[in-house]
Amino acid sequence: MKSTRTLVILFPVVLVLGLFTWWLWPKSHTLSCSPYHFGHYRGFGIPGAEDSILGKRYYRITFAYEDTYMETEYKGLGYNNFRRFYPDGTLAEEGQCMVKLYDSPLQPVPDESDLLWSKCYRPDGTLCSEVKNGTGTQMYWTPEGVKIWELELANFKRVHHTMWYPNGQLLEAQPYTD
């Protein structure tokens, strides 16, 4: 009799703890904007229920493509802290980028070129460029120290974008008119 009563009391407790652990345990999935963006969340993963206690609670968004790895500390829509790394783990860039909703089901996705502020570093760790209040230059380098990307921003808008091949030859130069 006593063991049955204990079982009746313990079963709901174990069930609630199990569901809570399942909700709290970190999970991740590919975001629909690209196969390289991953949303890391807590919740049961119910699409479209991001604001409910049962839905996805994003806490980090990562972007991994070839040699680039970027992580965004997701606190909500708007500007969020982010860091980008070289393949060896050295910090390549840090700052705050805009996170917007993308597609359906609604998914937060960082826009790495809509910056509140940013500091870009060469592979040797020296500061190479800065963006302050949406104005400045964003630069990316290969791990060997060759500049491959430069984006000029003014008042949160793209002004000019230049890309180079890893051998240093010009790939594309594009002014933005709008």
N, C-alpha and C. Protein backbone atom coordinates (compact mmCIF):
# COMPACT_ATOMS: atom_id res chain seq x y z
N MET A 1 0.82 -1.19 0.00
CA MET A 1 0.00 0.00 0.00
C MET A 1 0.86 1.26 0.00
N LYS A 2 1.89 1.21 0.86
CA LYS A 2 2.77 2.36 0.96
C LYS A 2 3.55 2.57 -0.34
N SER A 3 3.98 1.49 -0.99
CA SER A 3 4.73 1.61 -2.25
C SER A 3 3.83 2.13 -3.38
N THR A 4 2.55 1.80 -3.37
CA THR A 4 1.62 2.31 -4.36
C THR A 4 1.42 3.82 -4.20
N ARG A 5 1.31 4.27 -2.96
CA ARG A 5 1.15 5.69 -2.68
C ARG A 5 2.41 6.46 -3.12
N THR A 6 3.57 5.91 -2.84
CA THR A 6 4.84 6.53 -3.26
C THR A 6 4.91 6.61 -4.78
N LEU A 7 4.50 5.56 -5.44
CA LEU A 7 4.51 5.54 -6.90
C LEU A 7 3.55 6.58 -7.47
N VAL A 8 2.38 6.72 -6.87
CA VAL A 8 1.40 7.71 -7.32
C VAL A 8 1.94 9.13 -7.15
N ILE A 9 2.72 9.36 -6.13
CA ILE A 9 3.30 10.69 -5.90
C ILE A 9 4.51 10.91 -6.79
N LEU A 10 5.36 9.90 -6.94
CA LEU A 10 6.59 10.07 -7.71
C LEU A 10 6.36 10.15 -9.22
N PHE A 11 5.37 9.43 -9.74
CA PHE A 11 5.14 9.43 -11.18
C PHE A 11 4.91 10.83 -11.75
N PRO A 12 4.00 11.64 -11.20
CA PRO A 12 3.82 12.99 -11.74
C PRO A 12 5.07 13.86 -11.60
N VAL A 13 5.80 13.69 -10.51
CA VAL A 13 7.01 14.48 -10.30
C VAL A 13 8.05 14.14 -11.37
N VAL A 14 8.25 12.84 -11.61
CA VAL A 14 9.21 12.41 -12.63
C VAL A 14 8.75 12.86 -14.01
N LEU A 15 7.46 12.78 -14.29
CA LEU A 15 6.93 13.22 -15.57
C LEU A 15 7.16 14.71 -15.79
N VAL A 16 6.88 15.53 -14.80
CA VAL A 16 7.07 16.98 -14.90
C VAL A 16 8.55 17.31 -15.06
N LEU A 17 9.41 16.66 -14.28
CA LEU A 17 10.85 16.91 -14.42
C LEU A 17 11.36 16.49 -15.80
N GLY A 18 10.84 15.38 -16.31
CA GLY A 18 11.25 14.93 -17.65
C GLY A 18 10.83 15.91 -18.73
N LEU A 19 9.60 16.39 -18.67
CA LEU A 19 9.13 17.37 -19.66
C LEU A 19 9.89 18.68 -19.55
N PHE A 20 10.16 19.12 -18.32
CA PHE A 20 10.92 20.35 -18.12
C PHE A 20 12.33 20.22 -18.69
N THR A 21 12.96 19.08 -18.45
CA THR A 21 14.31 18.84 -19.00
C THR A 21 14.26 18.82 -20.51
N TRP A 22 13.27 18.19 -21.10
CA TRP A 22 13.12 18.16 -22.55
C TRP A 22 12.95 19.56 -23.10
N TRP A 23 12.17 20.40 -22.41
CA TRP A 23 11.96 21.78 -22.86
C TRP A 23 13.24 22.59 -22.72
N LEU A 24 13.99 22.40 -21.63
CA LEU A 24 15.17 23.20 -21.33
C LEU A 24 16.40 22.78 -22.13
N TRP A 25 16.49 21.50 -22.47
CA TRP A 25 17.69 20.99 -23.13
C TRP A 25 17.90 21.68 -24.47
N PRO A 26 19.13 22.17 -24.74
CA PRO A 26 19.39 22.89 -26.01
C PRO A 26 19.19 21.99 -27.23
N LYS A 27 18.57 22.56 -28.26
CA LYS A 27 18.36 21.89 -29.53
C LYS A 27 18.74 22.87 -30.64
N SER A 28 18.94 22.39 -31.81
CA SER A 28 19.23 23.30 -32.91
C SER A 28 18.66 22.74 -34.20
N HIS A 29 18.45 23.63 -35.16
CA HIS A 29 17.97 23.23 -36.47
C HIS A 29 18.42 24.26 -37.50
N THR A 30 18.46 23.83 -38.75
CA THR A 30 18.83 24.72 -39.85
C THR A 30 17.71 25.73 -40.06
N LEU A 31 18.08 27.00 -40.21
CA LEU A 31 17.08 28.03 -40.49
C LEU A 31 16.80 28.05 -42.00
N SER A 32 15.62 28.49 -42.36
CA SER A 32 15.21 28.42 -43.77
C SER A 32 15.91 29.43 -44.67
N CYS A 33 16.64 30.40 -44.09
CA CYS A 33 17.32 31.39 -44.94
C CYS A 33 18.50 30.79 -45.68
N SER A 34 19.15 29.77 -45.10
CA SER A 34 20.26 29.10 -45.78
C SER A 34 20.61 27.84 -45.00
N PRO A 35 21.27 26.90 -45.66
CA PRO A 35 21.67 25.68 -44.95
C PRO A 35 22.84 25.91 -43.99
N TYR A 36 23.39 27.12 -43.97
CA TYR A 36 24.55 27.41 -43.13
C TYR A 36 24.18 28.13 -41.84
N HIS A 37 22.92 28.58 -41.71
CA HIS A 37 22.46 29.25 -40.49
C HIS A 37 21.75 28.22 -39.60
N PHE A 38 22.10 28.21 -38.32
CA PHE A 38 21.49 27.30 -37.36
C PHE A 38 20.91 28.10 -36.20
N GLY A 39 19.69 27.77 -35.82
CA GLY A 39 19.06 28.37 -34.66
C GLY A 39 19.14 27.41 -33.50
N HIS A 40 19.69 27.84 -32.40
CA HIS A 40 19.79 27.02 -31.20
C HIS A 40 18.71 27.51 -30.24
N TYR A 41 17.89 26.61 -29.74
CA TYR A 41 16.73 27.02 -28.97
C TYR A 41 16.46 26.06 -27.83
N ARG A 42 15.57 26.51 -26.97
CA ARG A 42 15.02 25.67 -25.92
C ARG A 42 13.51 25.68 -26.10
N GLY A 43 12.89 24.59 -25.86
CA GLY A 43 11.44 24.49 -26.03
C GLY A 43 11.11 23.15 -26.65
N PHE A 44 9.87 22.95 -26.97
CA PHE A 44 9.45 21.71 -27.60
C PHE A 44 9.59 21.78 -29.11
N GLY A 45 9.91 22.94 -29.65
CA GLY A 45 10.12 23.07 -31.08
C GLY A 45 8.85 23.23 -31.88
N ILE A 46 7.80 23.73 -31.26
CA ILE A 46 6.54 23.90 -31.97
C ILE A 46 6.66 25.10 -32.91
N PRO A 47 6.59 24.91 -34.24
CA PRO A 47 6.71 26.04 -35.18
C PRO A 47 5.60 27.05 -34.96
N GLY A 48 5.95 28.31 -35.06
CA GLY A 48 4.97 29.38 -34.95
C GLY A 48 4.58 29.70 -33.52
N ALA A 49 5.19 29.02 -32.55
CA ALA A 49 4.84 29.25 -31.14
C ALA A 49 6.01 29.85 -30.38
N GLU A 50 6.80 30.68 -31.06
CA GLU A 50 8.02 31.21 -30.47
C GLU A 50 7.78 32.01 -29.19
N ASP A 51 6.61 32.61 -29.05
CA ASP A 51 6.36 33.45 -27.88
C ASP A 51 5.65 32.72 -26.76
N SER A 52 5.32 31.45 -26.96
CA SER A 52 4.63 30.72 -25.90
C SER A 52 5.64 29.92 -25.09
N ILE A 53 5.23 29.47 -23.95
CA ILE A 53 6.13 28.69 -23.09
C ILE A 53 6.49 27.36 -23.73
N LEU A 54 5.66 26.85 -24.64
CA LEU A 54 5.95 25.58 -25.28
C LEU A 54 6.79 25.73 -26.54
N GLY A 55 6.91 26.94 -27.05
CA GLY A 55 7.58 27.14 -28.33
C GLY A 55 9.08 27.26 -28.23
N LYS A 56 9.69 27.63 -29.34
CA LYS A 56 11.14 27.76 -29.42
C LYS A 56 11.59 29.01 -28.69
N ARG A 57 12.59 28.86 -27.89
CA ARG A 57 13.22 29.99 -27.19
C ARG A 57 14.65 30.09 -27.70
N TYR A 58 14.84 30.83 -28.78
CA TYR A 58 16.19 30.96 -29.33
C TYR A 58 17.10 31.67 -28.34
N TYR A 59 18.33 31.22 -28.26
CA TYR A 59 19.32 31.91 -27.43
C TYR A 59 20.61 32.13 -28.18
N ARG A 60 20.79 31.45 -29.32
CA ARG A 60 22.00 31.67 -30.12
C ARG A 60 21.69 31.31 -31.57
N ILE A 61 22.28 32.07 -32.47
CA ILE A 61 22.18 31.79 -33.90
C ILE A 61 23.60 31.71 -34.42
N THR A 62 23.93 30.65 -35.14
CA THR A 62 25.28 30.51 -35.68
C THR A 62 25.23 30.44 -37.20
N PHE A 63 26.33 30.86 -37.81
CA PHE A 63 26.51 30.80 -39.25
C PHE A 63 27.84 30.13 -39.49
N ALA A 64 27.84 28.99 -40.15
CA ALA A 64 29.08 28.28 -40.45
C ALA A 64 29.13 28.00 -41.94
N TYR A 65 30.11 28.59 -42.62
CA TYR A 65 30.25 28.40 -44.06
C TYR A 65 31.73 28.38 -44.41
N GLU A 66 32.18 27.30 -45.01
CA GLU A 66 33.58 27.11 -45.37
C GLU A 66 34.46 27.43 -44.16
N ASP A 67 35.24 28.52 -44.22
CA ASP A 67 36.15 28.84 -43.12
C ASP A 67 35.58 29.82 -42.12
N THR A 68 34.32 30.26 -42.30
CA THR A 68 33.74 31.29 -41.44
C THR A 68 32.84 30.66 -40.39
N TYR A 69 32.95 31.15 -39.18
CA TYR A 69 32.05 30.75 -38.11
C TYR A 69 31.64 32.00 -37.36
N MET A 70 30.33 32.23 -37.25
CA MET A 70 29.82 33.41 -36.56
C MET A 70 28.74 32.98 -35.59
N GLU A 71 28.71 33.59 -34.41
CA GLU A 71 27.65 33.31 -33.46
C GLU A 71 27.03 34.61 -32.98
N THR A 72 25.72 34.60 -32.86
CA THR A 72 24.96 35.75 -32.39
C THR A 72 24.26 35.36 -31.10
N GLU A 73 24.46 36.17 -30.07
CA GLU A 73 23.75 35.97 -28.81
C GLU A 73 22.37 36.57 -28.98
N TYR A 74 21.38 35.75 -29.21
CA TYR A 74 20.05 36.24 -29.52
C TYR A 74 19.28 36.60 -28.25
N LYS A 75 18.96 37.87 -28.11
CA LYS A 75 18.17 38.36 -26.97
C LYS A 75 16.78 38.80 -27.41
N GLY A 76 16.57 38.92 -28.70
CA GLY A 76 15.30 39.39 -29.25
C GLY A 76 15.57 40.10 -30.57
N LEU A 77 14.52 40.52 -31.25
CA LEU A 77 14.70 41.23 -32.52
C LEU A 77 15.38 42.56 -32.26
N GLY A 78 16.15 43.02 -33.23
CA GLY A 78 16.92 44.25 -33.09
C GLY A 78 18.40 43.93 -33.08
N TYR A 79 19.21 44.84 -32.55
CA TYR A 79 20.66 44.65 -32.54
C TYR A 79 21.06 43.72 -31.41
N ASN A 80 21.85 42.70 -31.77
CA ASN A 80 22.33 41.69 -30.83
C ASN A 80 23.84 41.55 -30.96
N ASN A 81 24.50 41.16 -29.89
CA ASN A 81 25.95 40.94 -29.92
C ASN A 81 26.28 39.76 -30.82
N PHE A 82 27.40 39.89 -31.55
CA PHE A 82 27.86 38.78 -32.38
C PHE A 82 29.38 38.74 -32.36
N ARG A 83 29.92 37.58 -32.71
CA ARG A 83 31.36 37.39 -32.88
C ARG A 83 31.58 36.48 -34.07
N ARG A 84 32.60 36.79 -34.85
CA ARG A 84 32.99 35.96 -36.00
C ARG A 84 34.42 35.52 -35.78
N PHE A 85 34.75 34.29 -36.19
CA PHE A 85 36.06 33.72 -35.91
C PHE A 85 36.75 33.22 -37.17
N TYR A 86 38.08 33.23 -37.14
CA TYR A 86 38.88 32.57 -38.17
C TYR A 86 38.86 31.07 -37.89
N PRO A 87 39.26 30.24 -38.86
CA PRO A 87 39.22 28.78 -38.66
C PRO A 87 40.00 28.29 -37.44
N ASP A 88 41.04 29.00 -37.05
CA ASP A 88 41.83 28.57 -35.89
C ASP A 88 41.23 29.04 -34.56
N GLY A 89 40.07 29.73 -34.62
CA GLY A 89 39.41 30.19 -33.41
C GLY A 89 39.75 31.62 -33.00
N THR A 90 40.64 32.28 -33.74
CA THR A 90 41.00 33.66 -33.46
C THR A 90 39.82 34.57 -33.80
N LEU A 91 39.58 35.58 -32.98
CA LEU A 91 38.48 36.51 -33.20
C LEU A 91 38.73 37.32 -34.47
N ALA A 92 37.76 37.32 -35.39
CA ALA A 92 37.85 38.07 -36.64
C ALA A 92 37.03 39.35 -36.58
N GLU A 93 35.92 39.32 -35.85
CA GLU A 93 35.06 40.49 -35.76
C GLU A 93 34.16 40.35 -34.54
N GLU A 94 33.82 41.48 -33.95
CA GLU A 94 32.86 41.52 -32.86
C GLU A 94 32.04 42.78 -32.99
N GLY A 95 30.82 42.75 -32.48
CA GLY A 95 29.98 43.93 -32.56
C GLY A 95 28.53 43.61 -32.28
N GLN A 96 27.65 44.46 -32.83
CA GLN A 96 26.22 44.25 -32.73
C GLN A 96 25.62 44.35 -34.12
N CYS A 97 24.92 43.29 -34.53
CA CYS A 97 24.28 43.28 -35.85
C CYS A 97 22.77 43.14 -35.67
N MET A 98 22.04 43.54 -36.68
CA MET A 98 20.58 43.48 -36.68
C MET A 98 20.12 42.03 -36.83
N VAL A 99 19.13 41.65 -36.04
CA VAL A 99 18.48 40.35 -36.18
C VAL A 99 17.03 40.62 -36.54
N LYS A 100 16.60 40.07 -37.68
CA LYS A 100 15.24 40.27 -38.18
C LYS A 100 14.56 38.91 -38.31
N LEU A 101 13.25 38.94 -38.48
CA LEU A 101 12.52 37.71 -38.73
C LEU A 101 12.61 37.37 -40.20
N TYR A 102 12.72 36.08 -40.48
CA TYR A 102 12.85 35.61 -41.85
C TYR A 102 11.87 34.47 -42.08
N ASP A 103 11.15 34.54 -43.16
CA ASP A 103 10.37 33.43 -43.70
C ASP A 103 9.30 32.94 -42.73
N SER A 104 8.73 31.83 -43.07
CA SER A 104 7.71 31.22 -42.24
C SER A 104 8.05 29.75 -42.07
N PRO A 105 8.07 29.17 -40.91
CA PRO A 105 7.70 29.81 -39.66
C PRO A 105 8.70 30.90 -39.29
N LEU A 106 8.25 31.85 -38.52
CA LEU A 106 9.09 33.01 -38.20
C LEU A 106 10.38 32.56 -37.53
N GLN A 107 11.49 33.00 -38.12
CA GLN A 107 12.80 32.62 -37.60
C GLN A 107 13.69 33.86 -37.54
N PRO A 108 14.38 34.08 -36.43
CA PRO A 108 15.29 35.21 -36.34
C PRO A 108 16.59 34.91 -37.09
N VAL A 109 17.03 35.85 -37.92
CA VAL A 109 18.25 35.68 -38.70
C VAL A 109 19.08 36.95 -38.61
N PRO A 110 20.39 36.83 -38.30
CA PRO A 110 21.24 38.02 -38.24
C PRO A 110 21.60 38.53 -39.62
N ASP A 111 21.67 39.86 -39.76
CA ASP A 111 22.15 40.50 -40.98
C ASP A 111 23.54 41.04 -40.64
N GLU A 112 24.58 40.34 -41.10
CA GLU A 112 25.95 40.67 -40.72
C GLU A 112 26.44 41.99 -41.31
N SER A 113 25.66 42.62 -42.16
CA SER A 113 26.09 43.90 -42.73
C SER A 113 25.22 45.07 -42.27
N ASP A 114 24.26 44.83 -41.39
CA ASP A 114 23.49 45.91 -40.76
C ASP A 114 24.01 46.01 -39.33
N LEU A 115 24.98 46.91 -39.15
CA LEU A 115 25.75 46.94 -37.90
C LEU A 115 25.51 48.21 -37.11
N LEU A 116 25.33 48.06 -35.81
CA LEU A 116 25.32 49.20 -34.91
C LEU A 116 26.77 49.61 -34.64
N TRP A 117 27.58 48.62 -34.33
CA TRP A 117 29.02 48.84 -34.20
C TRP A 117 29.73 47.53 -34.49
N SER A 118 30.99 47.65 -34.88
CA SER A 118 31.77 46.47 -35.21
C SER A 118 33.25 46.80 -35.17
N LYS A 119 34.05 45.83 -34.78
CA LYS A 119 35.51 45.92 -34.86
C LYS A 119 35.98 44.68 -35.61
N CYS A 120 36.72 44.89 -36.71
CA CYS A 120 37.24 43.79 -37.51
C CYS A 120 38.74 43.66 -37.23
N TYR A 121 39.20 42.41 -37.15
CA TYR A 121 40.60 42.13 -36.82
C TYR A 121 41.24 41.30 -37.91
N ARG A 122 42.53 41.58 -38.14
CA ARG A 122 43.32 40.75 -39.05
C ARG A 122 43.60 39.41 -38.36
N PRO A 123 44.07 38.43 -39.11
CA PRO A 123 44.37 37.13 -38.49
C PRO A 123 45.42 37.21 -37.38
N ASP A 124 46.28 38.23 -37.41
CA ASP A 124 47.29 38.36 -36.35
C ASP A 124 46.74 39.05 -35.10
N GLY A 125 45.44 39.45 -35.14
CA GLY A 125 44.79 40.04 -33.98
C GLY A 125 44.77 41.56 -33.95
N THR A 126 45.40 42.21 -34.92
CA THR A 126 45.42 43.67 -34.93
C THR A 126 44.11 44.21 -35.51
N LEU A 127 43.66 45.33 -34.97
CA LEU A 127 42.43 45.97 -35.43
C LEU A 127 42.66 46.54 -36.83
N CYS A 128 41.74 46.25 -37.77
CA CYS A 128 41.91 46.75 -39.13
C CYS A 128 40.80 47.71 -39.55
N SER A 129 39.61 47.62 -38.95
CA SER A 129 38.54 48.54 -39.32
C SER A 129 37.48 48.56 -38.24
N GLU A 130 36.67 49.63 -38.27
CA GLU A 130 35.60 49.78 -37.29
C GLU A 130 34.35 50.36 -37.94
N VAL A 131 33.22 50.04 -37.35
CA VAL A 131 31.94 50.65 -37.70
C VAL A 131 31.37 51.20 -36.40
N LYS A 132 30.97 52.46 -36.43
CA LYS A 132 30.35 53.09 -35.25
C LYS A 132 29.05 53.74 -35.69
N ASN A 133 27.97 53.43 -34.96
CA ASN A 133 26.65 53.98 -35.27
C ASN A 133 26.29 53.80 -36.74
N GLY A 134 26.55 52.62 -37.28
CA GLY A 134 26.16 52.30 -38.65
C GLY A 134 27.01 52.92 -39.73
N THR A 135 28.15 53.51 -39.37
CA THR A 135 29.03 54.16 -40.35
C THR A 135 30.46 53.67 -40.16
N GLY A 136 31.09 53.26 -41.25
CA GLY A 136 32.47 52.78 -41.20
C GLY A 136 32.69 51.71 -42.23
N THR A 137 33.76 50.93 -42.05
CA THR A 137 34.12 49.90 -43.01
C THR A 137 34.26 48.56 -42.30
N GLN A 138 33.69 47.55 -42.92
CA GLN A 138 33.78 46.18 -42.44
C GLN A 138 34.73 45.43 -43.38
N MET A 139 35.74 44.73 -42.82
CA MET A 139 36.71 44.01 -43.64
C MET A 139 36.85 42.57 -43.16
N TYR A 140 36.98 41.65 -44.14
CA TYR A 140 37.26 40.25 -43.84
C TYR A 140 38.57 39.89 -44.52
N TRP A 141 39.31 38.99 -43.88
CA TRP A 141 40.61 38.55 -44.37
C TRP A 141 40.65 37.03 -44.42
N THR A 142 41.51 36.49 -45.27
CA THR A 142 41.76 35.04 -45.24
C THR A 142 42.65 34.76 -44.04
N PRO A 143 42.73 33.52 -43.59
CA PRO A 143 43.65 33.20 -42.50
C PRO A 143 45.11 33.50 -42.83
N GLU A 144 45.42 33.58 -44.14
CA GLU A 144 46.79 33.90 -44.56
C GLU A 144 47.06 35.41 -44.58
N GLY A 145 46.05 36.23 -44.31
CA GLY A 145 46.25 37.67 -44.24
C GLY A 145 45.95 38.44 -45.51
N VAL A 146 45.18 37.86 -46.42
CA VAL A 146 44.79 38.54 -47.67
C VAL A 146 43.37 39.07 -47.49
N LYS A 147 43.19 40.37 -47.77
CA LYS A 147 41.85 40.96 -47.66
C LYS A 147 40.97 40.44 -48.78
N ILE A 148 39.76 39.93 -48.41
CA ILE A 148 38.86 39.37 -49.42
C ILE A 148 37.50 40.06 -49.43
N TRP A 149 37.24 40.97 -48.50
CA TRP A 149 35.92 41.59 -48.39
C TRP A 149 36.07 42.97 -47.76
N GLU A 150 35.37 43.94 -48.34
CA GLU A 150 35.33 45.27 -47.74
C GLU A 150 33.95 45.86 -48.03
N LEU A 151 33.26 46.27 -46.99
CA LEU A 151 31.95 46.86 -47.13
C LEU A 151 31.95 48.21 -46.43
N GLU A 152 31.67 49.25 -47.20
CA GLU A 152 31.60 50.60 -46.64
C GLU A 152 30.14 50.90 -46.30
N LEU A 153 29.90 51.35 -45.06
CA LEU A 153 28.57 51.67 -44.58
C LEU A 153 28.50 53.14 -44.19
N ALA A 154 27.35 53.75 -44.42
CA ALA A 154 27.11 55.13 -43.99
C ALA A 154 25.66 55.23 -43.53
N ASN A 155 25.47 55.63 -42.29
CA ASN A 155 24.13 55.77 -41.71
C ASN A 155 23.29 54.50 -41.88
N PHE A 156 23.88 53.35 -41.56
CA PHE A 156 23.22 52.05 -41.60
C PHE A 156 22.86 51.59 -43.01
N LYS A 157 23.44 52.19 -44.03
CA LYS A 157 23.19 51.78 -45.41
C LYS A 157 24.49 51.39 -46.08
N ARG A 158 24.40 50.43 -46.99
CA ARG A 158 25.58 50.00 -47.75
C ARG A 158 25.92 51.05 -48.79
N VAL A 159 27.19 51.42 -48.86
CA VAL A 159 27.63 52.43 -49.81
C VAL A 159 28.43 51.78 -50.94
N HIS A 160 29.41 50.95 -50.58
CA HIS A 160 30.26 50.32 -51.58
C HIS A 160 30.75 48.98 -51.05
N HIS A 161 30.76 47.98 -51.95
CA HIS A 161 31.17 46.63 -51.57
C HIS A 161 32.22 46.15 -52.54
N THR A 162 33.35 45.66 -52.03
CA THR A 162 34.42 45.13 -52.87
C THR A 162 34.82 43.76 -52.35
N MET A 163 35.02 42.82 -53.30
CA MET A 163 35.48 41.48 -52.94
C MET A 163 36.68 41.12 -53.80
N TRP A 164 37.60 40.32 -53.20
CA TRP A 164 38.79 39.86 -53.88
C TRP A 164 38.87 38.34 -53.78
N TYR A 165 39.52 37.73 -54.77
CA TYR A 165 39.84 36.31 -54.68
C TYR A 165 40.91 36.12 -53.60
N PRO A 166 41.05 34.92 -53.07
CA PRO A 166 42.09 34.68 -52.06
C PRO A 166 43.51 34.95 -52.56
N ASN A 167 43.71 35.00 -53.89
CA ASN A 167 45.04 35.32 -54.41
C ASN A 167 45.25 36.84 -54.53
N GLY A 168 44.24 37.64 -54.14
CA GLY A 168 44.38 39.09 -54.14
C GLY A 168 43.80 39.79 -55.36
N GLN A 169 43.40 39.05 -56.39
CA GLN A 169 42.82 39.67 -57.59
C GLN A 169 41.40 40.13 -57.30
N LEU A 170 41.03 41.25 -57.92
CA LEU A 170 39.69 41.81 -57.74
C LEU A 170 38.64 40.86 -58.30
N LEU A 171 37.63 40.57 -57.51
CA LEU A 171 36.51 39.73 -57.92
C LEU A 171 35.32 40.58 -58.34
N GLU A 172 34.98 41.58 -57.49
CA GLU A 172 33.82 42.40 -57.76
C GLU A 172 33.91 43.69 -56.96
N ALA A 173 33.48 44.79 -57.59
CA ALA A 173 33.36 46.08 -56.91
C ALA A 173 31.97 46.61 -57.26
N GLN A 174 31.18 46.89 -56.22
CA GLN A 174 29.80 47.25 -56.45
C GLN A 174 29.40 48.44 -55.61
N PRO A 175 29.07 49.56 -56.25
CA PRO A 175 28.50 50.70 -55.49
C PRO A 175 27.01 50.47 -55.27
N TYR A 176 26.50 50.95 -54.16
CA TYR A 176 25.06 50.88 -53.88
C TYR A 176 24.48 52.26 -54.09
N THR A 177 23.43 52.35 -54.88
CA THR A 177 22.81 53.65 -55.14
C THR A 177 21.57 53.89 -54.31
N ASP A 178 21.02 52.81 -53.74
CA ASP A 178 19.78 52.96 -52.98
C ASP A 178 19.92 52.25 -51.65
